[in-house]
Each structure stands twice: as C-alpha cells, then as structure tokens.
Amino acid sequence: MAGPKISSDARLAAQPGRLPDFFIVGHGKSGTTALYEMLRRHPQIYMPANKEPWYFATELRERTPPRPEGTPQTLAEYCELFAAAAPEQRAGESSTLYLWSHTAAARIAEVAPDARIIVLLREPASFLRSLHMQFVETYVEEQADLRTALALEDARRAGRKIPRYTYWPQTLLYSEHVRYVEQLRRFRELFGPERMLVLIYDDFRADNEATVRQVLRFLEVDDAVALEASEANPTVSVRSQRLHHLVHALSVGRGPVSRVAKAGLKRVMPRRLRREAVRATKERLLYTAPPAPDEALMSELRRRFKPEVVALSEYLGRDMVSLWGYDSVE
C-alpha cells in the first residue's frame, strides 16, 4: 500500500535536508546494535554515530534523557544527522522503539514514504527478560525483579509505581512490547510488504554474515563486500541498585551532593575523561553476567504469549511456534 498522498514537490519543499532511505525500527535486544555496527562499515551505507535519534516516536520526545549527542527536536536538526552522507550512499538510522511506538510509522511515512523498513524479532520471553535488564541498566526501570516489574503493569498504567528517574513510564508496560503482529501491520499498511524486511534474532545469531548480506540485497547495495561479525550491546545484570543509582546521580548531577561533586570533577577532568571514568566504573563494579533465567517465569510468559506467536506464524508464513519451542507449551 502506498504512503500518504503528498506530492513530491510539496514534500521536497518542506524537507530541510537529507532523510534516511531505510530504518531499523526494532526490537531492541534482538541484534539491532550488531546489525547497525555491521551496516555502517559498508562503503555504500551511511548511518550516523547517534544510533537512536528517536525523532519519529512522539512518545519518546515528550521527555528525553540527557545524552552527549543530544536528541533532535526539529526535522531540520534530524536531517543534520545525515548531512555527511554522500549522494550515492544509502542513509539509514536505527531507533529500536519505533516498532513499539504508535506514532513512528505514520510520522516516518509522512516525510519518507519510500523508505525501507527493517525489523528484528525475538522469542517473547527471552526478549522481555533482556529488555527488562536493559531498562534496569539504563535507569528506565528500578525494579530489579522481572516478575515484580510485570506485576506492576496495571498500577503503572494508572500512573502509579513509576520509577523516580524514568523518562518513559509508558515503556514499562512490558506486554505492550510483544504485540508483534499489530506492530508489523502498522508499518506494512503504510510501506507495503515489498519495502519491509522482517528478520528473526535466531537466524542472525546463527549466521551474522548471511543475515547481513540479506539486508544488503534488500537495500540494493553491494552484498559481496567483506564483513566482520559483530556482537554489540550484550545483556548485563546490575550488581547493586544502590551503587547503580549513585553513579547515575553523579554522572547527571542530580541532587545537591552530586551536583557539587560533578562541578568539582568538571574543574579538574575533561568531559571525555569523565565519561570514560563513569564507563569504567560501570563495567568493573556495577555490571556482571546475567543470572540464569527464572524458568518458572519463562514458562509462564511463554504460555501467556503463545497466541501472539501463533498469530505471528500465520502472518509471516513461517512456523515460529516450532522455532521458538512453543509447540510444547500448553
């Protein structure tokens, strides 16, 4: 199906600069960072250093966390991310919450109706477990126990039990991230099946190179270039919530004590060194390998989301039930 009926002349007149030719729209913790890193090394592809601009997801722009590269607030600022792309290159970006967003698909189609859309999907229970750990790591979530976090959905939907520091409380409704068919339809209705490529995390994990070459063919660039496999953004677990919040408060200057401490560090240490010090502290003291999953909870989640996996199998025309081991779930 074609995108919104906007004349090419009107669209170009309103466009303040280069826009992406393709979007990696999600899901997070499903290989999107590794795919981004491998694609941006291709000479015919340009992807900005700001991996996740979030521009087209209105829900994420209402309030954004501070970050060194900033967050574009206007289309002109967004287009600046791609100003260095050569005319012959395919420009792209990767904002993993676009797939979850109810607004991103339509907003992308308004300005880039011919864009190509890349999706990565992961088995629901393992996806939510990894997503929860990432949210804890990035201060979106403060409840370290996944079962408890899931049980808080109703309260959070009503505006209660929201973590003190979170910028995006609506992302903590974990079940909303596993509406795979609904999410795919939002994009397919606007861009059509020929402009969408749906990848499965298991395939990417099994053969990075083959999956990336499939993406290159989809983007119509040289798929014979040398590729280097990549595993980026590994899932980690937070050792201590108290220390985790202390390091975060210090890094952003939250609270009178941390603001004084940060001001003192600014006087004696350049920004780059401060960032490296915080990163080193996190890697050495805060993070550890994730614990073994709670198999009872994983089984509960698979029973809960089996109808979604069955629907996805029908939608994709591929047996996801067997691939993800849901054929034994009752």
C-alpha atoms as a PDB file:
ATOM      1  CA  MET A   1       0.000   0.000   0.000  1.00  0.00           C
ATOM      2  CA  ALA A   2       1.319   3.431  -0.873  1.00  0.00           C
ATOM      3  CA  GLY A   3       2.148   6.026   1.748  1.00  0.00           C
ATOM      4  CA  PRO A   4       0.193   9.231   2.430  1.00  0.00           C
ATOM      5  CA  LYS A   5      -0.685  11.213  -0.711  1.00  0.00           C
ATOM      6  CA  ILE A   6       1.780  14.076  -0.586  1.00  0.00           C
ATOM      7  CA  SER A   7       3.075  15.462  -3.861  1.00  0.00           C
ATOM      8  CA  SER A   8       6.810  15.030  -4.404  1.00  0.00           C
ATOM      9  CA  ASP A   9       7.219  18.782  -4.983  1.00  0.00           C
ATOM     10  CA  ALA A  10       5.494  19.660  -1.716  1.00  0.00           C
ATOM     11  CA  ARG A  11       7.449  17.038   0.166  1.00  0.00           C
ATOM     12  CA  LEU A  12      10.807  18.221  -1.152  1.00  0.00           C
ATOM     13  CA  ALA A  13       9.933  21.868  -0.474  1.00  0.00           C
ATOM     14  CA  ALA A  14       9.155  21.031   3.150  1.00  0.00           C
ATOM     15  CA  GLN A  15      12.240  18.839   3.578  1.00  0.00           C
ATOM     16  CA  PRO A  16      15.145  20.755   5.125  1.00  0.00           C
ATOM     17  CA  GLY A  17      17.817  18.196   4.260  1.00  0.00           C
ATOM     18  CA  ARG A  18      18.744  14.561   3.694  1.00  0.00           C
ATOM     19  CA  LEU A  19      16.393  11.944   5.137  1.00  0.00           C
ATOM     20  CA  PRO A  20      17.075   8.238   5.651  1.00  0.00           C
ATOM     21  CA  ASP A  21      16.469   5.715   2.902  1.00  0.00           C
ATOM     22  CA  PHE A  22      15.937   2.972   5.466  1.00  0.00           C
ATOM     23  CA  PHE A  23      15.100   2.472   9.135  1.00  0.00           C
ATOM     24  CA  ILE A  24      15.929  -0.320  11.560  1.00  0.00           C
ATOM     25  CA  VAL A  25      12.840   0.030  13.754  1.00  0.00           C
ATOM     26  CA  GLY A  26      13.357  -2.665  16.406  1.00  0.00           C
ATOM     27  CA  HIS A  27      13.112  -4.606  18.542  1.00  0.00           C
ATOM     28  CA  GLY A  28      15.889  -3.807  20.968  1.00  0.00           C
ATOM     29  CA  LYS A  29      17.922  -6.682  22.458  1.00  0.00           C
ATOM     30  CA  SER A  30      17.332  -8.579  19.212  1.00  0.00           C
ATOM     31  CA  GLY A  31      20.574  -7.889  17.347  1.00  0.00           C
ATOM     32  CA  THR A  32      19.782  -4.344  16.204  1.00  0.00           C
ATOM     33  CA  THR A  33      23.008  -2.833  17.566  1.00  0.00           C
ATOM     34  CA  ALA A  34      25.157  -5.516  15.962  1.00  0.00           C
ATOM     35  CA  LEU A  35      23.318  -5.031  12.662  1.00  0.00           C
ATOM     36  CA  TYR A  36      23.776  -1.259  12.895  1.00  0.00           C
ATOM     37  CA  GLU A  37      27.516  -1.652  13.532  1.00  0.00           C
ATOM     38  CA  MET A  38      27.981  -4.021  10.606  1.00  0.00           C
ATOM     39  CA  LEU A  39      25.941  -1.933   8.169  1.00  0.00           C
ATOM     40  CA  ARG A  40      27.641   1.362   8.985  1.00  0.00           C
ATOM     41  CA  ARG A  41      31.003  -0.118   7.930  1.00  0.00           C
ATOM     42  CA  HIS A  42      29.688  -0.671   4.400  1.00  0.00           C
ATOM     43  CA  PRO A  43      31.065   1.977   1.979  1.00  0.00           C
ATOM     44  CA  GLN A  44      27.673   2.402   0.284  1.00  0.00           C
ATOM     45  CA  ILE A  45      25.798   2.968   3.557  1.00  0.00           C
ATOM     46  CA  TYR A  46      25.784   5.969   5.892  1.00  0.00           C
ATOM     47  CA  MET A  47      24.465   5.689   9.444  1.00  0.00           C
ATOM     48  CA  PRO A  48      25.093   8.470  11.986  1.00  0.00           C
ATOM     49  CA  ALA A  49      27.021   7.989  15.216  1.00  0.00           C
ATOM     50  CA  ASN A  50      23.810   8.847  17.065  1.00  0.00           C
ATOM     51  CA  LYS A  51      22.362   5.359  16.702  1.00  0.00           C
ATOM     52  CA  GLU A  52      18.924   6.098  18.163  1.00  0.00           C
ATOM     53  CA  PRO A  53      17.630   9.602  17.349  1.00  0.00           C
ATOM     54  CA  TRP A  54      14.063   8.676  18.482  1.00  0.00           C
ATOM     55  CA  TYR A  55      12.771  11.598  16.397  1.00  0.00           C
ATOM     56  CA  PHE A  56       9.708   9.943  14.875  1.00  0.00           C
ATOM     57  CA  ALA A  57       8.379   8.363  18.098  1.00  0.00           C
ATOM     58  CA  THR A  58       6.310  11.153  19.613  1.00  0.00           C
ATOM     59  CA  GLU A  59       6.038   9.235  22.879  1.00  0.00           C
ATOM     60  CA  LEU A  60       9.817   9.467  23.372  1.00  0.00           C
ATOM     61  CA  ARG A  61      10.139  13.149  22.542  1.00  0.00           C
ATOM     62  CA  GLU A  62       7.809  14.354  25.296  1.00  0.00           C
ATOM     63  CA  ARG A  63      10.713  13.966  27.710  1.00  0.00           C
ATOM     64  CA  THR A  64      14.166  12.751  26.751  1.00  0.00           C
ATOM     65  CA  PRO A  65      17.126  11.795  28.926  1.00  0.00           C
ATOM     66  CA  PRO A  66      20.274  13.904  28.707  1.00  0.00           C
ATOM     67  CA  ARG A  67      22.886  12.447  26.389  1.00  0.00           C
ATOM     68  CA  PRO A  68      26.106  13.880  24.935  1.00  0.00           C
ATOM     69  CA  GLU A  69      24.941  13.693  21.317  1.00  0.00           C
ATOM     70  CA  GLY A  70      21.598  15.320  22.127  1.00  0.00           C
ATOM     71  CA  THR A  71      18.166  14.447  20.744  1.00  0.00           C
ATOM     72  CA  PRO A  72      16.875  16.204  17.607  1.00  0.00           C
ATOM     73  CA  GLN A  73      13.737  18.229  18.271  1.00  0.00           C
ATOM     74  CA  THR A  74      13.024  19.525  14.751  1.00  0.00           C
ATOM     75  CA  LEU A  75      13.116  17.947  11.314  1.00  0.00           C
ATOM     76  CA  ALA A  76      15.995  20.249  10.385  1.00  0.00           C
ATOM     77  CA  GLU A  77      18.006  19.030  13.388  1.00  0.00           C
ATOM     78  CA  TYR A  78      17.165  15.447  12.474  1.00  0.00           C
ATOM     79  CA  CYS A  79      18.275  15.919   8.865  1.00  0.00           C
ATOM     80  CA  GLU A  80      21.614  17.267  10.103  1.00  0.00           C
ATOM     81  CA  LEU A  81      22.411  13.724  11.275  1.00  0.00           C
ATOM     82  CA  PHE A  82      22.598  12.657   7.618  1.00  0.00           C
ATOM     83  CA  ALA A  83      24.215  15.767   6.128  1.00  0.00           C
ATOM     84  CA  ALA A  84      27.553  13.948   5.706  1.00  0.00           C
ATOM     85  CA  ALA A  85      26.038  11.124   3.647  1.00  0.00           C
ATOM     86  CA  ALA A  86      27.275  11.052   0.064  1.00  0.00           C
ATOM     87  CA  PRO A  87      24.609  11.254  -2.672  1.00  0.00           C
ATOM     88  CA  GLU A  88      25.367   7.695  -3.793  1.00  0.00           C
ATOM     89  CA  GLN A  89      25.112   6.246  -0.266  1.00  0.00           C
ATOM     90  CA  ARG A  90      22.042   4.741   1.348  1.00  0.00           C
ATOM     91  CA  ALA A  91      21.347   6.664   4.549  1.00  0.00           C
ATOM     92  CA  GLY A  92      19.748   4.907   7.492  1.00  0.00           C
ATOM     93  CA  GLU A  93      19.125   5.025  11.200  1.00  0.00           C
ATOM     94  CA  SER A  94      18.199   2.608  13.984  1.00  0.00           C
ATOM     95  CA  SER A  95      15.750   3.600  16.734  1.00  0.00           C
ATOM     96  CA  THR A  96      14.619   0.377  18.334  1.00  0.00           C
ATOM     97  CA  LEU A  97      11.464   1.738  19.965  1.00  0.00           C
ATOM     98  CA  TYR A  98       9.944   2.834  16.635  1.00  0.00           C
ATOM     99  CA  LEU A  99       8.351  -0.606  16.337  1.00  0.00           C
ATOM    100  CA  TRP A 100       6.767  -0.254  19.791  1.00  0.00           C
ATOM    101  CA  SER A 101       5.664   3.333  19.106  1.00  0.00           C
ATOM    102  CA  HIS A 102       2.095   4.020  17.976  1.00  0.00           C
ATOM    103  CA  THR A 103       3.188   7.165  16.115  1.00  0.00           C
ATOM    104  CA  ALA A 104       6.540   6.441  14.457  1.00  0.00           C
ATOM    105  CA  ALA A 105       5.305   4.529  11.398  1.00  0.00           C
ATOM    106  CA  ALA A 106       2.885   7.252  10.316  1.00  0.00           C
ATOM    107  CA  ARG A 107       5.352  10.063  11.016  1.00  0.00           C
ATOM    108  CA  ILE A 108       8.093   8.359   9.002  1.00  0.00           C
ATOM    109  CA  ALA A 109       5.667   7.780   6.124  1.00  0.00           C
ATOM    110  CA  GLU A 110       4.759  11.479   6.072  1.00  0.00           C
ATOM    111  CA  VAL A 111       8.283  12.521   5.099  1.00  0.00           C
ATOM    112  CA  ALA A 112       9.863   9.323   3.731  1.00  0.00           C
ATOM    113  CA  PRO A 113       7.069   7.205   2.184  1.00  0.00           C
ATOM    114  CA  ASP A 114       9.544   5.295   0.006  1.00  0.00           C
ATOM    115  CA  ALA A 115      11.789   4.279   2.914  1.00  0.00           C
ATOM    116  CA  ARG A 116      12.621   0.644   3.570  1.00  0.00           C
ATOM    117  CA  ILE A 117      11.868  -0.842   6.969  1.00  0.00           C
ATOM    118  CA  ILE A 118      13.942  -3.496   8.752  1.00  0.00           C
ATOM    119  CA  VAL A 119      12.545  -5.371  11.756  1.00  0.00           C
ATOM    120  CA  LEU A 120      14.188  -7.893  14.078  1.00  0.00           C
ATOM    121  CA  LEU A 121      12.019 -10.089  16.294  1.00  0.00           C
ATOM    122  CA  ARG A 122      12.991 -12.323  19.210  1.00  0.00           C
ATOM    123  CA  GLU A 123      11.191 -15.024  21.159  1.00  0.00           C
ATOM    124  CA  PRO A 124       8.916 -13.096  23.567  1.00  0.00           C
ATOM    125  CA  ALA A 125      10.032 -14.448  26.961  1.00  0.00           C
ATOM    126  CA  SER A 126      13.758 -14.055  26.305  1.00  0.00           C
ATOM    127  CA  PHE A 127      13.123 -10.674  24.669  1.00  0.00           C
ATOM    128  CA  LEU A 128      11.272  -9.322  27.711  1.00  0.00           C
ATOM    129  CA  ARG A 129      13.907 -10.675  30.085  1.00  0.00           C
ATOM    130  CA  SER A 130      16.695  -8.920  28.155  1.00  0.00           C
ATOM    131  CA  LEU A 131      14.619  -5.755  27.702  1.00  0.00           C
ATOM    132  CA  HIS A 132      13.954  -5.589  31.439  1.00  0.00           C
ATOM    133  CA  MET A 133      17.656  -5.956  32.256  1.00  0.00           C
ATOM    134  CA  GLN A 134      18.488  -3.200  29.778  1.00  0.00           C
ATOM    135  CA  PHE A 135      15.860  -0.928  31.324  1.00  0.00           C
ATOM    136  CA  VAL A 136      17.386  -1.542  34.752  1.00  0.00           C
ATOM    137  CA  GLU A 137      20.845  -0.824  33.353  1.00  0.00           C
ATOM    138  CA  THR A 138      19.711   2.425  31.699  1.00  0.00           C
ATOM    139  CA  TYR A 139      17.656   3.726  34.662  1.00  0.00           C
ATOM    140  CA  VAL A 140      14.292   3.336  32.933  1.00  0.00           C
ATOM    141  CA  GLU A 141      13.360   0.632  35.457  1.00  0.00           C
ATOM    142  CA  GLU A 142      14.270   0.440  39.147  1.00  0.00           C
ATOM    143  CA  GLN A 143      12.579  -2.875  39.953  1.00  0.00           C
ATOM    144  CA  ALA A 144      15.331  -5.453  39.512  1.00  0.00           C
ATOM    145  CA  ASP A 145      12.991  -8.459  39.646  1.00  0.00           C
ATOM    146  CA  LEU A 146      11.221  -9.122  36.354  1.00  0.00           C
ATOM    147  CA  ARG A 147       8.243 -10.905  37.908  1.00  0.00           C
ATOM    148  CA  THR A 148       7.606  -7.930  40.180  1.00  0.00           C
ATOM    149  CA  ALA A 149       8.047  -5.477  37.310  1.00  0.00           C
ATOM    150  CA  LEU A 150       5.479  -7.381  35.243  1.00  0.00           C
ATOM    151  CA  ALA A 151       3.042  -7.396  38.160  1.00  0.00           C
ATOM    152  CA  LEU A 152       3.273  -3.594  38.351  1.00  0.00           C
ATOM    153  CA  GLU A 153       1.849  -3.058  34.855  1.00  0.00           C
ATOM    154  CA  ASP A 154      -1.709  -2.271  35.992  1.00  0.00           C
ATOM    155  CA  ALA A 155      -0.521   0.194  38.621  1.00  0.00           C
ATOM    156  CA  ARG A 156       1.829   1.861  36.145  1.00  0.00           C
ATOM    157  CA  ARG A 157      -0.900   2.076  33.523  1.00  0.00           C
ATOM    158  CA  ALA A 158      -2.819   4.095  36.106  1.00  0.00           C
ATOM    159  CA  GLY A 159       0.195   6.340  36.735  1.00  0.00           C
ATOM    160  CA  ARG A 160       1.342   4.713  39.988  1.00  0.00           C
ATOM    161  CA  LYS A 161       4.577   2.950  40.984  1.00  0.00           C
ATOM    162  CA  ILE A 162       6.548   4.863  38.348  1.00  0.00           C
ATOM    163  CA  PRO A 163      10.317   4.790  38.982  1.00  0.00           C
ATOM    164  CA  ARG A 164      11.669   8.110  40.202  1.00  0.00           C
ATOM    165  CA  TYR A 165      14.176   8.654  37.404  1.00  0.00           C
ATOM    166  CA  THR A 166      12.424   7.153  34.382  1.00  0.00           C
ATOM    167  CA  TYR A 167      11.809   9.369  31.378  1.00  0.00           C
ATOM    168  CA  TRP A 168       9.448   6.983  29.591  1.00  0.00           C
ATOM    169  CA  PRO A 169       6.975   5.384  32.016  1.00  0.00           C
ATOM    170  CA  GLN A 170       4.854   4.024  29.159  1.00  0.00           C
ATOM    171  CA  THR A 171       7.708   1.746  28.042  1.00  0.00           C
ATOM    172  CA  LEU A 172       7.412  -0.113  31.356  1.00  0.00           C
ATOM    173  CA  LEU A 173       4.197  -1.763  30.199  1.00  0.00           C
ATOM    174  CA  TYR A 174       6.166  -4.806  29.112  1.00  0.00           C
ATOM    175  CA  SER A 175       3.296  -6.683  27.480  1.00  0.00           C
ATOM    176  CA  GLU A 176       2.873  -3.777  25.022  1.00  0.00           C
ATOM    177  CA  HIS A 177       6.266  -4.630  23.515  1.00  0.00           C
ATOM    178  CA  VAL A 178       5.080  -8.107  22.491  1.00  0.00           C
ATOM    179  CA  ARG A 179       2.260  -7.129  20.126  1.00  0.00           C
ATOM    180  CA  TYR A 180       4.283  -8.327  17.157  1.00  0.00           C
ATOM    181  CA  VAL A 181       1.533  -8.645  14.540  1.00  0.00           C
ATOM    182  CA  GLU A 182      -0.069  -5.313  15.464  1.00  0.00           C
ATOM    183  CA  GLN A 183       3.329  -3.605  15.265  1.00  0.00           C
ATOM    184  CA  LEU A 184       4.195  -5.141  11.900  1.00  0.00           C
ATOM    185  CA  ARG A 185       0.810  -4.169  10.472  1.00  0.00           C
ATOM    186  CA  ARG A 186       1.326  -0.514  11.390  1.00  0.00           C
ATOM    187  CA  PHE A 187       4.347  -0.387   9.099  1.00  0.00           C
ATOM    188  CA  ARG A 188       3.069  -2.756   6.407  1.00  0.00           C
ATOM    189  CA  GLU A 189      -0.122  -0.740   5.878  1.00  0.00           C
ATOM    190  CA  LEU A 190       1.976   2.345   5.136  1.00  0.00           C
ATOM    191  CA  PHE A 191       5.033   0.958   3.368  1.00  0.00           C
ATOM    192  CA  GLY A 192       3.783  -2.273   1.816  1.00  0.00           C
ATOM    193  CA  PRO A 193       5.319  -5.743   2.120  1.00  0.00           C
ATOM    194  CA  GLU A 194       7.917  -5.100  -0.593  1.00  0.00           C
ATOM    195  CA  ARG A 195       9.516  -2.340   1.496  1.00  0.00           C
ATOM    196  CA  MET A 196       9.678  -4.393   4.705  1.00  0.00           C
ATOM    197  CA  LEU A 197      12.232  -6.980   5.757  1.00  0.00           C
ATOM    198  CA  VAL A 198      11.392  -8.983   8.878  1.00  0.00           C
ATOM    199  CA  LEU A 199      14.363 -10.793  10.398  1.00  0.00           C
ATOM    200  CA  ILE A 200      14.452 -13.316  13.223  1.00  0.00           C
ATOM    201  CA  TYR A 201      17.024 -12.986  16.006  1.00  0.00           C
ATOM    202  CA  ASP A 202      17.745 -16.735  15.973  1.00  0.00           C
ATOM    203  CA  ASP A 203      18.792 -16.571  12.301  1.00  0.00           C
ATOM    204  CA  PHE A 204      21.008 -13.556  12.966  1.00  0.00           C
ATOM    205  CA  ARG A 205      22.675 -15.247  15.936  1.00  0.00           C
ATOM    206  CA  ALA A 206      23.232 -18.434  13.957  1.00  0.00           C
ATOM    207  CA  ASP A 207      24.779 -16.672  10.948  1.00  0.00           C
ATOM    208  CA  ASN A 208      25.560 -12.950  11.251  1.00  0.00           C
ATOM    209  CA  GLU A 209      27.054 -12.772   7.784  1.00  0.00           C
ATOM    210  CA  ALA A 210      24.226 -14.430   5.872  1.00  0.00           C
ATOM    211  CA  THR A 211      21.635 -12.207   7.564  1.00  0.00           C
ATOM    212  CA  VAL A 212      23.580  -9.012   6.878  1.00  0.00           C
ATOM    213  CA  ARG A 213      24.045  -9.979   3.220  1.00  0.00           C
ATOM    214  CA  GLN A 214      20.275 -10.471   3.025  1.00  0.00           C
ATOM    215  CA  VAL A 215      19.877  -6.922   4.367  1.00  0.00           C
ATOM    216  CA  LEU A 216      22.378  -5.574   1.827  1.00  0.00           C
ATOM    217  CA  ARG A 217      20.421  -7.142  -1.023  1.00  0.00           C
ATOM    218  CA  PHE A 218      17.219  -5.653   0.404  1.00  0.00           C
ATOM    219  CA  LEU A 219      18.890  -2.222   0.411  1.00  0.00           C
ATOM    220  CA  GLU A 220      20.219  -2.807  -3.111  1.00  0.00           C
ATOM    221  CA  VAL A 221      23.871  -2.237  -2.275  1.00  0.00           C
ATOM    222  CA  ASP A 222      26.887  -4.459  -2.909  1.00  0.00           C
ATOM    223  CA  ASP A 223      26.367  -7.649  -0.918  1.00  0.00           C
ATOM    224  CA  ALA A 224      29.780  -9.109  -1.794  1.00  0.00           C
ATOM    225  CA  VAL A 225      31.890  -6.803   0.399  1.00  0.00           C
ATOM    226  CA  ALA A 226      33.940  -8.274   3.232  1.00  0.00           C
ATOM    227  CA  LEU A 227      32.014  -8.357   6.506  1.00  0.00           C
ATOM    228  CA  GLU A 228      33.201  -8.557  10.100  1.00  0.00           C
ATOM    229  CA  ALA A 229      30.827 -10.260  12.529  1.00  0.00           C
ATOM    230  CA  SER A 230      29.776  -8.146  15.471  1.00  0.00           C
ATOM    231  CA  GLU A 231      28.119  -8.755  18.836  1.00  0.00           C
ATOM    232  CA  ALA A 232      27.303  -5.407  20.400  1.00  0.00           C
ATOM    233  CA  ASN A 233      25.269  -4.265  23.391  1.00  0.00           C
ATOM    234  CA  PRO A 234      25.415  -7.538  25.357  1.00  0.00           C
ATOM    235  CA  THR A 235      22.852  -8.108  28.095  1.00  0.00           C
ATOM    236  CA  VAL A 236      24.246  -7.478  31.568  1.00  0.00           C
ATOM    237  CA  SER A 237      22.900  -7.571  35.095  1.00  0.00           C
ATOM    238  CA  VAL A 238      23.267  -4.809  37.702  1.00  0.00           C
ATOM    239  CA  ARG A 239      25.167  -5.925  40.807  1.00  0.00           C
ATOM    240  CA  SER A 240      23.903  -3.227  43.204  1.00  0.00           C
ATOM    241  CA  GLN A 241      20.880  -0.989  42.679  1.00  0.00           C
ATOM    242  CA  ARG A 242      22.126   1.473  45.327  1.00  0.00           C
ATOM    243  CA  LEU A 243      25.559   1.893  43.712  1.00  0.00           C
ATOM    244  CA  HIS A 244      23.945   1.985  40.281  1.00  0.00           C
ATOM    245  CA  HIS A 245      21.747   4.946  41.259  1.00  0.00           C
ATOM    246  CA  LEU A 246      24.674   6.692  42.964  1.00  0.00           C
ATOM    247  CA  VAL A 247      26.819   6.530  39.816  1.00  0.00           C
ATOM    248  CA  HIS A 248      23.877   7.739  37.727  1.00  0.00           C
ATOM    249  CA  ALA A 249      23.159  10.648  40.073  1.00  0.00           C
ATOM    250  CA  LEU A 250      26.818  11.650  39.929  1.00  0.00           C
ATOM    251  CA  SER A 251      27.015  11.365  36.140  1.00  0.00           C
ATOM    252  CA  VAL A 252      23.986  13.634  35.550  1.00  0.00           C
ATOM    253  CA  GLY A 253      24.487  15.914  38.551  1.00  0.00           C
ATOM    254  CA  ARG A 254      21.192  15.045  40.244  1.00  0.00           C
ATOM    255  CA  GLY A 255      20.826  16.200  43.871  1.00  0.00           C
ATOM    256  CA  PRO A 256      22.874  18.805  45.775  1.00  0.00           C
ATOM    257  CA  VAL A 257      25.714  16.488  46.772  1.00  0.00           C
ATOM    258  CA  SER A 258      26.132  15.006  43.298  1.00  0.00           C
ATOM    259  CA  ARG A 259      25.939  18.437  41.689  1.00  0.00           C
ATOM    260  CA  VAL A 260      28.764  19.684  43.888  1.00  0.00           C
ATOM    261  CA  ALA A 261      30.797  16.559  43.162  1.00  0.00           C
ATOM    262  CA  LYS A 262      30.195  16.836  39.429  1.00  0.00           C
ATOM    263  CA  ALA A 263      31.108  20.511  39.445  1.00  0.00           C
ATOM    264  CA  GLY A 264      34.381  19.645  41.157  1.00  0.00           C
ATOM    265  CA  LEU A 265      35.135  16.940  38.617  1.00  0.00           C
ATOM    266  CA  LYS A 266      34.430  19.352  35.743  1.00  0.00           C
ATOM    267  CA  ARG A 267      37.127  21.676  37.036  1.00  0.00           C
ATOM    268  CA  VAL A 268      39.825  19.025  37.084  1.00  0.00           C
ATOM    269  CA  MET A 269      38.804  16.474  34.453  1.00  0.00           C
ATOM    270  CA  PRO A 270      37.852  16.950  30.748  1.00  0.00           C
ATOM    271  CA  ARG A 271      34.423  15.698  29.636  1.00  0.00           C
ATOM    272  CA  ARG A 272      35.859  12.773  27.648  1.00  0.00           C
ATOM    273  CA  LEU A 273      37.826  11.529  30.645  1.00  0.00           C
ATOM    274  CA  ARG A 274      34.798  11.918  32.913  1.00  0.00           C
ATOM    275  CA  ARG A 275      32.728   9.785  30.564  1.00  0.00           C
ATOM    276  CA  GLU A 276      35.470   7.152  30.375  1.00  0.00           C
ATOM    277  CA  ALA A 277      35.737   7.096  34.181  1.00  0.00           C
ATOM    278  CA  VAL A 278      31.990   6.557  34.579  1.00  0.00           C
ATOM    279  CA  ARG A 279      32.006   3.877  31.891  1.00  0.00           C
ATOM    280  CA  ALA A 280      34.949   2.069  33.509  1.00  0.00           C
ATOM    281  CA  THR A 281      33.237   2.203  36.920  1.00  0.00           C
ATOM    282  CA  LYS A 282      30.090   0.697  35.480  1.00  0.00           C
ATOM    283  CA  GLU A 283      31.919  -2.084  33.666  1.00  0.00           C
ATOM    284  CA  ARG A 284      34.114  -3.060  36.628  1.00  0.00           C
ATOM    285  CA  LEU A 285      31.835  -2.504  39.619  1.00  0.00           C
ATOM    286  CA  LEU A 286      28.216  -2.306  38.520  1.00  0.00           C
ATOM    287  CA  TYR A 287      27.682  -4.940  35.859  1.00  0.00           C
ATOM    288  CA  THR A 288      28.048  -8.674  35.831  1.00  0.00           C
ATOM    289  CA  ALA A 289      26.934 -11.518  33.601  1.00  0.00           C
ATOM    290  CA  PRO A 290      23.165 -12.027  33.806  1.00  0.00           C
ATOM    291  CA  PRO A 291      21.922 -14.728  36.175  1.00  0.00           C
ATOM    292  CA  ALA A 292      20.225 -17.850  34.914  1.00  0.00           C
ATOM    293  CA  PRO A 293      16.626 -17.136  33.900  1.00  0.00           C
ATOM    294  CA  ASP A 294      13.756 -17.975  36.223  1.00  0.00           C
ATOM    295  CA  GLU A 295      12.473 -20.967  34.277  1.00  0.00           C
ATOM    296  CA  ALA A 296       9.106 -20.958  36.034  1.00  0.00           C
ATOM    297  CA  LEU A 297       8.576 -17.352  34.981  1.00  0.00           C
ATOM    298  CA  MET A 298       9.821 -18.062  31.452  1.00  0.00           C
ATOM    299  CA  SER A 299       7.274 -20.874  31.175  1.00  0.00           C
ATOM    300  CA  GLU A 300       4.503 -18.580  32.404  1.00  0.00           C
ATOM    301  CA  LEU A 301       5.449 -15.951  29.832  1.00  0.00           C
ATOM    302  CA  ARG A 302       5.516 -18.487  27.014  1.00  0.00           C
ATOM    303  CA  ARG A 303       2.033 -19.683  27.935  1.00  0.00           C
ATOM    304  CA  ARG A 304       0.865 -16.073  28.088  1.00  0.00           C
ATOM    305  CA  PHE A 305       2.309 -15.110  24.712  1.00  0.00           C
ATOM    306  CA  LYS A 306       1.720 -18.321  22.760  1.00  0.00           C
ATOM    307  CA  PRO A 307      -1.339 -16.815  20.974  1.00  0.00           C
ATOM    308  CA  GLU A 308       0.890 -13.974  19.749  1.00  0.00           C
ATOM    309  CA  VAL A 309       3.467 -16.456  18.442  1.00  0.00           C
ATOM    310  CA  VAL A 310       0.745 -18.460  16.678  1.00  0.00           C
ATOM    311  CA  ALA A 311      -0.593 -15.256  15.084  1.00  0.00           C
ATOM    312  CA  LEU A 312       2.932 -14.252  14.044  1.00  0.00           C
ATOM    313  CA  SER A 313       3.464 -17.646  12.402  1.00  0.00           C
ATOM    314  CA  GLU A 314       0.340 -17.111  10.318  1.00  0.00           C
ATOM    315  CA  TYR A 315       1.279 -13.528   9.492  1.00  0.00           C
ATOM    316  CA  LEU A 316       4.840 -14.343   8.382  1.00  0.00           C
ATOM    317  CA  GLY A 317       4.011 -17.687   6.801  1.00  0.00           C
ATOM    318  CA  ARG A 318       6.739 -19.286   8.894  1.00  0.00           C
ATOM    319  CA  ASP A 319       6.480 -21.784  11.749  1.00  0.00           C
ATOM    320  CA  MET A 320       7.619 -19.605  14.665  1.00  0.00           C
ATOM    321  CA  VAL A 321       5.810 -21.931  17.093  1.00  0.00           C
ATOM    322  CA  SER A 322       8.296 -24.741  16.475  1.00  0.00           C
ATOM    323  CA  LEU A 323      11.316 -22.467  16.017  1.00  0.00           C
ATOM    324  CA  TRP A 324      10.773 -20.851  19.412  1.00  0.00           C
ATOM    325  CA  GLY A 325       9.752 -24.062  21.175  1.00  0.00           C
ATOM    326  CA  TYR A 326       6.125 -23.098  21.711  1.00  0.00           C
ATOM    327  CA  ASP A 327       4.834 -26.378  20.292  1.00  0.00           C
ATOM    328  CA  SER A 328       5.388 -27.906  23.733  1.00  0.00           C
ATOM    329  CA  VAL A 329       3.686 -25.012  25.561  1.00  0.00           C
ATOM    330  CA  GLU A 330       0.169 -25.770  26.757  1.00  0.00           C
END
